[in-house]
Amino acid sequence: MKEIIGVFLVLAALGLIPALESALAAGDEPGQYLDRRVIIWNLFFRMMTVAFTVGAVVSGTIIWLIWRFRESHPKAKPTPYEGTDW
């Protein structure tokens, strides 16, 4: 459970830090402006990269679980809790 909370904290930090950096960004001189389109695209690209990575890990884990615990697996035997003796 602690690992899950840690992962969510890291993901929140990945989204929150760049957003705060952009919101509080101000140039030292009055002539410096912020190109919001570039910053928004960078945030979008960064968060989509994180989303695709997390999605790939979750999908891979699900595929591995389905493959590992399928009924036709040679080592798949009912547990004592299932009530079948082999």
Protein backbone atom coordinates (compact mmCIF):
# COMPACT_ATOMS: atom_id res chain seq x y z
CA MET A 1 0.00 0.00 0.00
CA LYS A 2 2.89 2.33 0.75
CA GLU A 3 4.29 1.78 -2.74
CA ILE A 4 1.01 2.78 -4.36
CA ILE A 5 0.84 5.97 -2.31
CA GLY A 6 4.44 6.72 -3.25
CA VAL A 7 3.70 6.24 -6.96
CA PHE A 8 0.71 8.57 -6.76
CA LEU A 9 2.78 11.19 -4.94
CA VAL A 10 5.44 11.04 -7.65
CA LEU A 11 2.80 11.35 -10.39
CA ALA A 12 1.21 14.31 -8.58
CA ALA A 13 4.61 15.97 -8.28
CA LEU A 14 5.26 15.42 -12.01
CA GLY A 15 2.10 17.34 -12.81
CA LEU A 16 2.16 19.93 -10.04
CA ILE A 17 5.74 21.19 -10.20
CA PRO A 18 5.70 22.23 -13.89
CA ALA A 19 2.25 23.80 -13.48
CA LEU A 20 3.42 25.88 -10.52
CA GLU A 21 6.60 26.75 -12.35
CA SER A 22 4.59 28.07 -15.29
CA ALA A 23 2.03 29.86 -13.13
CA LEU A 24 4.65 31.66 -11.09
CA ALA A 25 7.03 32.31 -13.98
CA ALA A 26 7.70 35.95 -14.54
CA GLY A 27 10.58 37.52 -16.36
CA ASP A 28 13.08 39.67 -14.52
CA GLU A 29 12.64 42.43 -17.05
CA PRO A 30 9.33 43.90 -18.22
CA GLY A 31 10.08 43.03 -21.85
CA GLN A 32 10.16 39.26 -21.30
CA TYR A 33 6.98 37.40 -22.14
CA LEU A 34 5.88 33.84 -21.63
CA ASP A 35 4.79 31.84 -24.67
CA ARG A 36 1.89 29.95 -23.12
CA ARG A 37 1.33 27.72 -26.16
CA VAL A 38 4.80 26.24 -25.82
CA ILE A 39 4.43 25.72 -22.07
CA ILE A 40 1.01 24.12 -22.44
CA TRP A 41 2.31 21.80 -25.18
CA ASN A 42 5.28 20.81 -23.00
CA LEU A 43 2.96 20.02 -20.08
CA PHE A 44 0.64 18.04 -22.36
CA PHE A 45 3.53 16.08 -23.88
CA ARG A 46 5.07 15.31 -20.48
CA MET A 47 1.78 14.13 -18.96
CA MET A 48 0.89 12.04 -22.02
CA THR A 49 4.29 10.36 -21.84
CA VAL A 50 3.65 9.50 -18.20
CA ALA A 51 0.11 8.30 -19.02
CA PHE A 52 1.30 6.02 -21.84
CA THR A 53 4.09 4.62 -19.67
CA VAL A 54 1.72 3.85 -16.79
CA GLY A 55 -0.79 2.36 -19.24
CA ALA A 56 1.87 0.12 -20.77
CA VAL A 57 2.98 -1.12 -17.35
CA VAL A 58 -0.61 -1.84 -16.26
CA SER A 59 -1.43 -3.59 -19.54
CA GLY A 60 1.73 -5.68 -19.35
CA THR A 61 0.96 -6.66 -15.78
CA ILE A 62 -2.57 -7.72 -16.68
CA ILE A 63 -1.34 -9.75 -19.66
CA TRP A 64 1.30 -11.43 -17.48
CA LEU A 65 -1.29 -12.27 -14.79
CA ILE A 66 -3.69 -13.74 -17.33
CA TRP A 67 -0.90 -15.80 -18.94
CA ARG A 68 0.54 -16.97 -15.60
CA PHE A 69 -2.70 -18.02 -13.94
CA ARG A 70 -4.54 -19.52 -16.90
CA GLU A 71 -6.30 -22.85 -16.43
CA SER A 72 -4.16 -24.69 -18.98
CA HIS A 73 -0.93 -23.82 -17.16
CA PRO A 74 0.99 -27.02 -16.32
CA LYS A 75 1.52 -26.03 -12.68
CA ALA A 76 -2.01 -24.75 -12.13
CA LYS A 77 -3.56 -26.82 -9.36
CA PRO A 78 -6.53 -25.97 -7.17
CA THR A 79 -5.65 -24.63 -3.75
CA PRO A 80 -6.83 -26.43 -0.61
CA TYR A 81 -9.41 -23.67 -0.15
CA GLU A 82 -11.13 -24.59 -3.41
CA GLY A 83 -12.16 -27.97 -2.05
CA THR A 84 -10.72 -30.18 -4.78
CA ASP A 85 -8.06 -32.78 -4.00
CA TRP A 86 -5.73 -33.76 -6.82
